[in-house]
């Protein structure tokens, strides 16, 4: 029997834009914005943005794999990012805004590597897919005002999502239905 609750952790640039696509999907229990992959305990947003902690802005998703399998999470993840950009995402530049898949077990690692290779082989992008696949490390929940930002600050979120270039990139590469 498959565990009815698992974790998935994805860095995709600004975590504000990584919550909405996963939130409220069937089988998604929670989506938390936070920081992972760094060397400072309990970092603050300001510390992470200073590029001195080594953390990525990320989301940690608790999901039921029987309802929403990890493979579907990976598909949705790839459709929210520019996997060919090693320097950040869209308007946001720097290590803390780089993309990464953080795997929690060997099965997730294998599935992530397979999905990355399939995306590379698809020819969808004319540059290499550079998103690394890394072992999960301690995940620190971001400050409360960052949680579900798209709900708390809808107008600002929409301006940012469009103004950063993310919305246009998603629409151009994946179509209307994925532009959230």
Protein backbone atom coordinates (compact mmCIF):
# COMPACT_ATOMS: atom_id res chain seq x y z
CA UNK A 1 0.00 0.00 0.00
CA UNK A 2 1.23 3.49 -0.89
CA UNK A 3 1.55 6.03 1.89
CA UNK A 4 -1.41 8.39 1.74
CA UNK A 5 0.76 11.42 2.49
CA UNK A 6 4.11 12.41 0.96
CA UNK A 7 6.23 15.53 0.53
CA UNK A 8 7.44 17.17 -2.66
CA UNK A 9 9.74 20.20 -2.66
CA UNK A 10 10.25 22.46 -5.66
CA UNK A 11 12.17 25.69 -6.20
CA UNK A 12 10.82 27.70 -9.08
CA UNK A 13 11.85 31.29 -8.55
CA UNK A 14 9.59 33.48 -6.45
CA UNK A 15 7.61 31.19 -4.18
CA UNK A 16 4.54 33.43 -4.43
CA UNK A 17 4.06 32.16 -7.99
CA UNK A 18 4.66 28.52 -7.11
CA UNK A 19 1.77 28.10 -4.67
CA UNK A 20 -1.31 28.85 -6.78
CA UNK A 21 -0.75 26.22 -9.51
CA UNK A 22 -0.57 23.42 -6.92
CA UNK A 23 -2.98 24.79 -4.32
CA UNK A 24 -6.51 23.39 -4.31
CA UNK A 25 -5.70 20.56 -6.76
CA UNK A 26 -7.32 17.25 -5.81
CA UNK A 27 -5.02 15.31 -3.50
CA UNK A 28 -2.97 18.35 -2.48
CA UNK A 29 -3.11 18.64 1.29
CA UNK A 30 -0.97 21.76 1.73
CA UNK A 31 1.46 24.04 -0.08
CA UNK A 32 3.91 25.94 2.12
CA UNK A 33 6.30 28.68 0.98
CA UNK A 34 9.77 28.51 2.47
CA UNK A 35 13.51 28.15 2.12
CA UNK A 36 15.67 25.09 1.55
CA UNK A 37 19.10 24.00 0.41
CA UNK A 38 21.12 26.48 2.44
CA UNK A 39 23.50 26.49 5.37
CA UNK A 40 21.86 28.91 7.84
CA UNK A 41 19.29 27.67 10.34
CA UNK A 42 15.92 29.42 10.36
CA UNK A 43 16.79 32.01 7.73
CA UNK A 44 14.67 35.11 7.25
CA UNK A 45 13.43 36.41 3.92
CA UNK A 46 15.94 39.25 4.11
CA UNK A 47 18.82 36.83 4.74
CA UNK A 48 17.79 34.59 1.84
CA UNK A 49 17.42 37.59 -0.49
CA UNK A 50 20.93 38.75 0.50
CA UNK A 51 22.24 35.62 -1.27
CA UNK A 52 24.39 34.77 1.78
CA UNK A 53 22.56 31.68 3.08
CA UNK A 54 22.61 29.38 0.05
CA UNK A 55 18.84 28.84 0.28
CA UNK A 56 16.37 28.60 -2.57
CA UNK A 57 12.89 30.06 -2.32
CA UNK A 58 10.77 26.92 -2.58
CA UNK A 59 7.42 25.33 -1.93
CA UNK A 60 6.88 22.17 0.05
CA UNK A 61 3.80 20.26 -0.99
CA UNK A 62 2.09 17.64 1.13
CA UNK A 63 0.11 15.43 -1.22
CA UNK A 64 -1.75 12.16 -1.46
CA UNK A 65 0.01 10.19 -4.23
CA UNK A 66 -3.02 7.95 -4.71
CA UNK A 67 -5.01 10.99 -5.84
CA UNK A 68 -2.31 13.27 -7.30
CA UNK A 69 0.78 11.20 -8.16
CA UNK A 70 4.30 12.64 -8.00
CA UNK A 71 4.53 12.35 -11.80
CA UNK A 72 1.64 14.84 -12.13
CA UNK A 73 3.35 17.18 -9.67
CA UNK A 74 6.46 17.08 -11.85
CA UNK A 75 4.44 17.83 -15.00
CA UNK A 76 2.79 20.80 -13.32
CA UNK A 77 6.13 22.00 -11.91
CA UNK A 78 7.86 22.07 -15.32
CA UNK A 79 4.95 24.13 -16.67
CA UNK A 80 5.53 26.92 -14.12
CA UNK A 81 9.22 27.64 -14.74
CA UNK A 82 11.84 28.36 -17.37
CA UNK A 83 13.94 25.22 -16.88
CA UNK A 84 16.66 26.56 -19.20
CA UNK A 85 17.57 29.61 -17.09
CA UNK A 86 20.48 28.99 -14.69
CA UNK A 87 20.48 32.53 -13.26
CA UNK A 88 17.06 32.74 -11.64
CA UNK A 89 13.53 33.03 -12.92
CA UNK A 90 12.14 35.80 -15.06
CA UNK A 91 12.53 39.18 -13.32
CA UNK A 92 14.09 37.59 -10.22
CA UNK A 93 17.81 36.92 -10.51
CA UNK A 94 20.25 35.17 -8.22
CA UNK A 95 20.80 31.84 -6.53
CA UNK A 96 17.76 32.08 -4.25
CA UNK A 97 15.52 32.29 -7.34
CA UNK A 98 17.06 29.39 -9.23
CA UNK A 99 15.04 26.29 -10.00
CA UNK A 100 15.57 22.88 -8.38
CA UNK A 101 13.69 19.71 -7.64
CA UNK A 102 14.44 18.41 -4.14
CA UNK A 103 13.72 14.69 -3.91
CA UNK A 104 12.65 12.98 -0.67
CA UNK A 105 13.38 9.38 -1.71
CA UNK A 106 14.97 7.33 -4.49
CA UNK A 107 11.68 6.92 -6.34
CA UNK A 108 11.20 10.70 -6.50
CA UNK A 109 14.80 11.08 -7.68
CA UNK A 110 14.30 8.55 -10.47
CA UNK A 111 10.98 10.06 -11.55
CA UNK A 112 12.43 13.58 -11.52
CA UNK A 113 15.43 12.52 -13.60
CA UNK A 114 13.15 10.73 -16.08
CA UNK A 115 10.85 13.74 -16.39
CA UNK A 116 13.79 16.11 -16.86
CA UNK A 117 15.22 13.88 -19.61
CA UNK A 118 11.81 13.60 -21.29
CA UNK A 119 11.46 17.40 -21.26
CA UNK A 120 14.96 17.79 -22.72
CA UNK A 121 14.23 15.18 -25.41
CA UNK A 122 10.87 16.77 -26.28
CA UNK A 123 12.50 19.64 -28.15
CA UNK A 124 10.14 22.12 -26.47
CA UNK A 125 13.10 24.33 -25.57
CA UNK A 126 16.09 25.15 -27.78
CA UNK A 127 18.45 25.38 -24.79
CA UNK A 128 19.43 22.68 -22.28
CA UNK A 129 17.20 21.98 -19.28
CA UNK A 130 19.43 23.04 -16.39
CA UNK A 131 17.17 22.56 -13.35
CA UNK A 132 19.14 20.45 -10.87
CA UNK A 133 17.71 17.47 -9.01
CA UNK A 134 19.00 17.56 -5.45
CA UNK A 135 18.43 15.66 -2.21
CA UNK A 136 15.90 17.34 0.07
CA UNK A 137 17.36 19.19 3.04
CA UNK A 138 15.76 21.00 5.94
CA UNK A 139 12.83 23.11 4.81
CA UNK A 140 12.13 26.30 6.75
CA UNK A 141 8.66 27.79 6.49
CA UNK A 142 8.70 31.39 5.27
CA UNK A 143 7.16 34.23 7.22
CA UNK A 144 3.37 34.20 7.47
CA UNK A 145 2.87 37.14 5.11
CA UNK A 146 4.39 35.02 2.28
CA UNK A 147 1.97 32.11 2.78
CA UNK A 148 -0.73 31.94 0.08
CA UNK A 149 0.26 35.41 -1.09
CA UNK A 150 -1.90 35.07 -4.20
CA UNK A 151 -4.98 34.98 -1.96
CA UNK A 152 -3.94 37.66 0.53
CA UNK A 153 -2.73 40.21 -2.02
CA UNK A 154 -4.53 39.31 -5.23
CA UNK A 155 -3.95 42.54 -7.16
CA UNK A 156 -0.24 42.73 -6.31
CA UNK A 157 0.21 39.04 -7.07
CA UNK A 158 -1.42 39.39 -10.51
CA UNK A 159 0.70 42.46 -11.37
CA UNK A 160 3.84 40.62 -10.30
CA UNK A 161 2.92 37.38 -12.10
CA UNK A 162 2.40 39.26 -15.34
CA UNK A 163 5.09 41.94 -14.89
CA UNK A 164 7.82 39.45 -14.02
CA UNK A 165 7.38 37.75 -17.39
CA UNK A 166 6.28 34.44 -15.89
CA UNK A 167 2.69 34.57 -17.15
CA UNK A 168 3.74 35.35 -20.73
CA UNK A 169 6.42 32.64 -20.72
CA UNK A 170 3.98 30.00 -19.48
CA UNK A 171 1.35 31.03 -22.01
CA UNK A 172 3.86 31.02 -24.89
CA UNK A 173 5.36 27.64 -23.96
CA UNK A 174 2.46 25.73 -22.44
CA UNK A 175 -0.74 27.46 -23.55
CA UNK A 176 -3.61 29.34 -21.90
CA UNK A 177 -4.77 26.60 -19.50
CA UNK A 178 -1.46 26.60 -17.57
CA UNK A 179 -1.13 30.35 -17.16
CA UNK A 180 -2.27 30.91 -13.55
